Amino acid sequence: MLVSIYLPTKNREALRRRAVESALTQSYTTLELVVVDDGSTDGTRGYLDTVRTADSRIRVIRNETSLDVPLSRNLAIRDAPGEFMHRLANPASLSEAPLCSTDCDGNSSSCLIKGRTSCESR
């Protein structure tokens, strides 16, 4: 199952590096990272071009002018095809904010944490 991780950003190149790396180094690899660049004027654009070329799981949406976080987030959600979605918040990394999904009974969660992709009781 595909997990879509979305990340709105603007002028936060150093923090984005940490967030992108945390998403791409997960042991669960059936994921995509959708980054919405909300009109960055620092090195964010160049960095995103480089990582997108290096990893096909990265998709970049660019706003030429800032639309702010709510609209950028909505663009990512609209374009992300994953069965599960997770917002990678600023300046979190996935090791700090694991992706979890609860089963239909609400009894367990499947957590996508670096080094672990198991189903555990809560």
N, C-alpha and C. Protein backbone atom coordinates (compact mmCIF):
# COMPACT_ATOMS: atom_id res chain seq x y z
N MET A 1 0.83 -1.17 0.00
CA MET A 1 0.00 0.00 0.00
C MET A 1 0.88 1.24 0.00
N LEU A 2 0.50 2.20 -0.79
CA LEU A 2 1.27 3.43 -0.93
C LEU A 2 0.93 4.41 0.18
N VAL A 3 1.96 4.95 0.81
CA VAL A 3 1.81 6.00 1.81
C VAL A 3 2.32 7.28 1.18
N SER A 4 1.48 8.30 1.20
CA SER A 4 1.89 9.62 0.71
C SER A 4 2.23 10.50 1.89
N ILE A 5 3.44 11.03 1.87
CA ILE A 5 3.89 11.96 2.89
C ILE A 5 3.92 13.33 2.22
N TYR A 6 3.25 14.30 2.81
CA TYR A 6 3.28 15.62 2.18
C TYR A 6 3.95 16.62 3.11
N LEU A 7 4.64 17.54 2.45
CA LEU A 7 5.49 18.48 3.16
C LEU A 7 5.39 19.86 2.51
N PRO A 8 4.61 20.77 3.10
CA PRO A 8 4.62 22.15 2.61
C PRO A 8 5.87 22.86 3.12
N THR A 9 6.47 23.69 2.30
CA THR A 9 7.68 24.38 2.73
C THR A 9 7.82 25.74 2.07
N LYS A 10 8.52 26.63 2.75
CA LYS A 10 8.87 27.93 2.17
C LYS A 10 10.11 28.44 2.89
N ASN A 11 11.19 28.62 2.13
CA ASN A 11 12.43 29.21 2.64
C ASN A 11 12.96 28.52 3.90
N ARG A 12 13.00 27.21 3.87
CA ARG A 12 13.49 26.47 5.02
C ARG A 12 14.40 25.33 4.56
N GLU A 13 15.34 25.66 3.72
CA GLU A 13 16.19 24.66 3.09
C GLU A 13 16.84 23.71 4.09
N ALA A 14 17.44 24.23 5.14
CA ALA A 14 18.16 23.37 6.09
C ALA A 14 17.21 22.39 6.78
N LEU A 15 16.04 22.86 7.19
CA LEU A 15 15.06 21.98 7.83
C LEU A 15 14.49 20.97 6.84
N ARG A 16 14.33 21.37 5.59
CA ARG A 16 13.79 20.46 4.57
C ARG A 16 14.73 19.29 4.34
N ARG A 17 16.01 19.55 4.37
CA ARG A 17 16.98 18.46 4.17
C ARG A 17 16.75 17.35 5.19
N ARG A 18 16.62 17.73 6.45
CA ARG A 18 16.39 16.74 7.51
C ARG A 18 15.07 16.01 7.31
N ALA A 19 14.03 16.74 6.98
CA ALA A 19 12.72 16.12 6.79
C ALA A 19 12.71 15.17 5.59
N VAL A 20 13.28 15.61 4.47
CA VAL A 20 13.33 14.77 3.27
C VAL A 20 14.13 13.51 3.54
N GLU A 21 15.28 13.65 4.17
CA GLU A 21 16.11 12.48 4.47
C GLU A 21 15.39 11.51 5.39
N SER A 22 14.66 12.00 6.37
CA SER A 22 13.95 11.11 7.29
C SER A 22 12.86 10.33 6.55
N ALA A 23 12.20 10.96 5.59
CA ALA A 23 11.17 10.26 4.82
C ALA A 23 11.78 9.20 3.91
N LEU A 24 12.87 9.53 3.26
CA LEU A 24 13.45 8.63 2.26
C LEU A 24 14.25 7.48 2.86
N THR A 25 14.59 7.55 4.12
CA THR A 25 15.37 6.48 4.75
C THR A 25 14.52 5.53 5.58
N GLN A 26 13.21 5.60 5.43
CA GLN A 26 12.33 4.67 6.14
C GLN A 26 12.56 3.25 5.64
N SER A 27 12.39 2.28 6.52
CA SER A 27 12.50 0.88 6.10
C SER A 27 11.30 0.49 5.23
N TYR A 28 10.17 1.14 5.42
CA TYR A 28 9.01 0.94 4.55
C TYR A 28 9.22 1.84 3.34
N THR A 29 9.33 1.26 2.16
CA THR A 29 9.73 2.05 0.99
C THR A 29 8.62 2.30 -0.01
N THR A 30 7.43 1.77 0.23
CA THR A 30 6.32 2.02 -0.68
C THR A 30 5.67 3.34 -0.27
N LEU A 31 6.40 4.39 -0.54
CA LEU A 31 5.94 5.71 -0.16
C LEU A 31 6.34 6.71 -1.23
N GLU A 32 5.68 7.83 -1.17
CA GLU A 32 6.07 8.95 -2.00
C GLU A 32 6.10 10.18 -1.10
N LEU A 33 6.93 11.11 -1.47
CA LEU A 33 7.04 12.37 -0.75
C LEU A 33 6.60 13.48 -1.69
N VAL A 34 5.53 14.17 -1.30
CA VAL A 34 5.02 15.29 -2.09
C VAL A 34 5.40 16.57 -1.36
N VAL A 35 6.29 17.33 -1.97
CA VAL A 35 6.76 18.58 -1.37
C VAL A 35 6.13 19.74 -2.14
N VAL A 36 5.48 20.63 -1.40
CA VAL A 36 4.92 21.83 -2.01
C VAL A 36 5.81 23.00 -1.62
N ASP A 37 6.52 23.53 -2.61
CA ASP A 37 7.39 24.69 -2.42
C ASP A 37 6.52 25.93 -2.61
N ASP A 38 6.25 26.62 -1.52
CA ASP A 38 5.32 27.74 -1.54
C ASP A 38 6.03 29.07 -1.82
N GLY A 39 6.68 29.12 -2.99
CA GLY A 39 7.31 30.36 -3.43
C GLY A 39 8.63 30.67 -2.74
N SER A 40 9.42 29.64 -2.44
CA SER A 40 10.71 29.85 -1.77
C SER A 40 11.64 30.74 -2.59
N THR A 41 12.43 31.54 -1.87
CA THR A 41 13.41 32.41 -2.52
C THR A 41 14.84 32.09 -2.05
N ASP A 42 14.99 31.06 -1.23
CA ASP A 42 16.33 30.63 -0.79
C ASP A 42 16.78 29.46 -1.67
N GLY A 43 17.60 28.58 -1.19
CA GLY A 43 18.10 27.46 -1.96
C GLY A 43 17.17 26.25 -2.02
N THR A 44 15.96 26.40 -1.50
CA THR A 44 15.01 25.28 -1.46
C THR A 44 14.74 24.71 -2.85
N ARG A 45 14.52 25.57 -3.82
CA ARG A 45 14.19 25.12 -5.17
C ARG A 45 15.29 24.24 -5.76
N GLY A 46 16.53 24.68 -5.67
CA GLY A 46 17.65 23.91 -6.19
C GLY A 46 17.81 22.59 -5.47
N TYR A 47 17.67 22.61 -4.15
CA TYR A 47 17.76 21.37 -3.37
C TYR A 47 16.69 20.38 -3.80
N LEU A 48 15.45 20.85 -3.94
CA LEU A 48 14.36 19.96 -4.33
C LEU A 48 14.57 19.40 -5.74
N ASP A 49 15.09 20.19 -6.64
CA ASP A 49 15.40 19.69 -7.99
C ASP A 49 16.41 18.57 -7.92
N THR A 50 17.42 18.72 -7.08
CA THR A 50 18.47 17.71 -6.95
C THR A 50 17.92 16.40 -6.38
N VAL A 51 17.17 16.48 -5.29
CA VAL A 51 16.67 15.24 -4.68
C VAL A 51 15.59 14.59 -5.53
N ARG A 52 14.79 15.37 -6.23
CA ARG A 52 13.77 14.80 -7.10
C ARG A 52 14.40 14.01 -8.23
N THR A 53 15.50 14.51 -8.77
CA THR A 53 16.22 13.81 -9.83
C THR A 53 16.82 12.50 -9.30
N ALA A 54 17.26 12.51 -8.06
CA ALA A 54 17.92 11.34 -7.47
C ALA A 54 16.96 10.26 -6.98
N ASP A 55 15.70 10.61 -6.70
CA ASP A 55 14.76 9.64 -6.13
C ASP A 55 13.38 9.83 -6.75
N SER A 56 12.92 8.82 -7.44
CA SER A 56 11.64 8.91 -8.16
C SER A 56 10.43 8.94 -7.23
N ARG A 57 10.63 8.73 -5.94
CA ARG A 57 9.51 8.79 -4.99
C ARG A 57 9.17 10.22 -4.59
N ILE A 58 9.94 11.18 -5.06
CA ILE A 58 9.71 12.58 -4.70
C ILE A 58 8.97 13.30 -5.82
N ARG A 59 7.92 13.99 -5.44
CA ARG A 59 7.19 14.83 -6.37
C ARG A 59 7.20 16.25 -5.80
N VAL A 60 7.46 17.23 -6.65
CA VAL A 60 7.52 18.62 -6.21
C VAL A 60 6.43 19.41 -6.91
N ILE A 61 5.68 20.15 -6.12
CA ILE A 61 4.68 21.09 -6.63
C ILE A 61 5.20 22.47 -6.27
N ARG A 62 5.21 23.36 -7.25
CA ARG A 62 5.74 24.71 -7.00
C ARG A 62 4.64 25.76 -7.13
N ASN A 63 4.57 26.60 -6.13
CA ASN A 63 3.74 27.79 -6.19
C ASN A 63 4.68 28.95 -6.51
N GLU A 64 4.48 29.59 -7.62
CA GLU A 64 5.37 30.71 -7.99
C GLU A 64 5.24 31.87 -7.02
N THR A 65 4.04 32.07 -6.50
CA THR A 65 3.83 33.03 -5.42
C THR A 65 3.24 32.27 -4.24
N SER A 66 3.46 32.79 -3.05
CA SER A 66 3.03 32.09 -1.85
C SER A 66 1.51 32.01 -1.75
N LEU A 67 1.03 30.80 -1.50
CA LEU A 67 -0.41 30.59 -1.27
C LEU A 67 -0.69 30.33 0.20
N ASP A 68 0.37 30.22 1.01
CA ASP A 68 0.33 29.95 2.44
C ASP A 68 0.07 28.46 2.70
N VAL A 69 0.25 28.07 3.93
CA VAL A 69 0.25 26.65 4.29
C VAL A 69 -1.07 25.94 3.99
N PRO A 70 -2.23 26.47 4.36
CA PRO A 70 -3.46 25.71 4.12
C PRO A 70 -3.68 25.35 2.64
N LEU A 71 -3.49 26.30 1.74
CA LEU A 71 -3.69 26.00 0.33
C LEU A 71 -2.60 25.09 -0.21
N SER A 72 -1.37 25.26 0.25
CA SER A 72 -0.28 24.38 -0.18
C SER A 72 -0.55 22.95 0.28
N ARG A 73 -1.00 22.81 1.51
CA ARG A 73 -1.35 21.49 2.03
C ARG A 73 -2.47 20.85 1.19
N ASN A 74 -3.47 21.63 0.86
CA ASN A 74 -4.58 21.10 0.06
C ASN A 74 -4.12 20.66 -1.33
N LEU A 75 -3.18 21.39 -1.93
CA LEU A 75 -2.63 20.97 -3.23
C LEU A 75 -1.95 19.62 -3.11
N ALA A 76 -1.18 19.43 -2.06
CA ALA A 76 -0.49 18.15 -1.86
C ALA A 76 -1.47 17.02 -1.66
N ILE A 77 -2.47 17.23 -0.83
CA ILE A 77 -3.46 16.18 -0.57
C ILE A 77 -4.22 15.83 -1.84
N ARG A 78 -4.58 16.82 -2.61
CA ARG A 78 -5.32 16.59 -3.85
C ARG A 78 -4.52 15.74 -4.83
N ASP A 79 -3.21 15.98 -4.91
CA ASP A 79 -2.37 15.30 -5.90
C ASP A 79 -1.72 14.02 -5.40
N ALA A 80 -1.85 13.70 -4.12
CA ALA A 80 -1.19 12.52 -3.56
C ALA A 80 -2.09 11.29 -3.69
N PRO A 81 -1.63 10.24 -4.36
CA PRO A 81 -2.47 9.07 -4.59
C PRO A 81 -2.42 8.01 -3.49
N GLY A 82 -1.66 8.22 -2.43
CA GLY A 82 -1.49 7.20 -1.40
C GLY A 82 -2.78 6.81 -0.71
N GLU A 83 -2.82 5.54 -0.25
CA GLU A 83 -3.95 5.06 0.52
C GLU A 83 -3.96 5.67 1.92
N PHE A 84 -2.76 5.94 2.43
CA PHE A 84 -2.62 6.62 3.71
C PHE A 84 -1.81 7.88 3.47
N MET A 85 -2.08 8.90 4.29
CA MET A 85 -1.39 10.17 4.14
C MET A 85 -0.85 10.61 5.48
N HIS A 86 0.25 11.34 5.41
CA HIS A 86 0.85 11.89 6.63
C HIS A 86 1.46 13.24 6.30
N ARG A 87 1.18 14.21 7.14
CA ARG A 87 1.82 15.52 6.98
C ARG A 87 3.10 15.53 7.79
N LEU A 88 4.17 15.79 7.13
CA LEU A 88 5.45 15.93 7.79
C LEU A 88 5.57 17.40 8.17
N ALA A 89 5.32 17.68 9.44
CA ALA A 89 5.23 19.06 9.91
C ALA A 89 6.61 19.66 10.14
N ASN A 90 6.67 20.92 10.11
CA ASN A 90 7.90 21.67 10.29
C ASN A 90 8.23 21.76 11.78
N PRO A 91 9.39 21.45 12.23
CA PRO A 91 10.54 20.89 11.53
C PRO A 91 10.72 19.40 11.81
N ALA A 92 9.63 18.68 11.95
CA ALA A 92 9.70 17.27 12.36
C ALA A 92 10.38 16.38 11.34
N SER A 93 10.82 15.25 11.81
CA SER A 93 11.27 14.19 10.94
C SER A 93 10.44 12.97 11.30
N LEU A 94 10.43 11.97 10.45
CA LEU A 94 9.60 10.81 10.72
C LEU A 94 10.03 10.04 11.94
N SER A 95 11.28 10.12 12.33
CA SER A 95 11.68 9.45 13.56
C SER A 95 11.05 10.11 14.77
N GLU A 96 10.65 11.37 14.64
CA GLU A 96 9.98 12.08 15.72
C GLU A 96 8.47 11.97 15.61
N ALA A 97 7.96 11.78 14.41
CA ALA A 97 6.53 11.74 14.16
C ALA A 97 6.22 10.54 13.27
N PRO A 98 6.19 9.32 13.84
CA PRO A 98 6.01 8.12 13.02
C PRO A 98 4.67 8.08 12.32
N LEU A 99 4.67 7.46 11.15
CA LEU A 99 3.43 7.22 10.43
C LEU A 99 2.75 6.02 11.04
N CYS A 100 1.51 6.15 11.43
CA CYS A 100 0.79 5.02 12.00
C CYS A 100 -0.60 4.95 11.39
N SER A 101 -1.09 3.74 11.21
CA SER A 101 -2.46 3.56 10.78
C SER A 101 -3.10 2.50 11.68
N THR A 102 -4.30 2.76 12.12
CA THR A 102 -4.99 1.84 13.01
C THR A 102 -5.84 0.89 12.19
N ASP A 103 -5.92 -0.38 12.64
CA ASP A 103 -6.75 -1.33 11.91
C ASP A 103 -8.22 -0.99 12.10
N CYS A 104 -9.10 -1.72 11.40
CA CYS A 104 -10.53 -1.41 11.41
C CYS A 104 -11.14 -1.51 12.80
N ASP A 105 -10.59 -2.37 13.65
CA ASP A 105 -11.12 -2.53 15.01
C ASP A 105 -10.52 -1.53 15.99
N GLY A 106 -9.52 -0.79 15.55
CA GLY A 106 -8.86 0.16 16.43
C GLY A 106 -7.95 -0.49 17.45
N ASN A 107 -7.59 -1.76 17.25
CA ASN A 107 -6.81 -2.50 18.24
C ASN A 107 -5.31 -2.42 18.05
N SER A 108 -4.86 -2.15 16.88
CA SER A 108 -3.42 -2.15 16.66
C SER A 108 -3.06 -1.05 15.68
N SER A 109 -1.78 -0.79 15.61
CA SER A 109 -1.34 0.20 14.64
C SER A 109 -0.12 -0.32 13.92
N SER A 110 -0.04 0.01 12.67
CA SER A 110 1.13 -0.33 11.87
C SER A 110 1.95 0.94 11.76
N CYS A 111 3.09 0.97 12.42
CA CYS A 111 3.90 2.18 12.48
C CYS A 111 5.07 2.10 11.53
N LEU A 112 5.24 3.12 10.76
CA LEU A 112 6.34 3.20 9.82
C LEU A 112 7.44 4.03 10.45
N ILE A 113 8.24 3.39 11.25
CA ILE A 113 9.33 4.04 11.94
C ILE A 113 10.62 3.47 11.40
N LYS A 114 11.61 4.29 11.22
CA LYS A 114 12.88 3.82 10.70
C LYS A 114 13.31 2.55 11.42
N GLY A 115 13.51 1.48 10.65
CA GLY A 115 13.94 0.22 11.23
C GLY A 115 12.81 -0.66 11.71
N ARG A 116 11.55 -0.23 11.60
CA ARG A 116 10.45 -1.04 12.10
C ARG A 116 9.22 -0.85 11.24
N THR A 117 8.61 -1.91 10.77
CA THR A 117 7.35 -1.85 10.02
C THR A 117 6.43 -2.95 10.50
N SER A 118 6.22 -3.04 11.79
CA SER A 118 5.43 -4.14 12.33
C SER A 118 4.10 -3.65 12.87
N CYS A 119 3.22 -4.59 13.09
CA CYS A 119 1.92 -4.29 13.66
C CYS A 119 2.01 -4.59 15.15
N GLU A 120 1.67 -3.63 15.98
CA GLU A 120 1.82 -3.78 17.42
C GLU A 120 0.53 -3.38 18.13
N SER A 121 0.27 -3.99 19.27
CA SER A 121 -0.87 -3.61 20.09
C SER A 121 -0.60 -2.25 20.71
N ARG A 122 -1.62 -1.49 20.86
CA ARG A 122 -1.48 -0.18 21.49
C ARG A 122 -1.57 -0.30 22.98
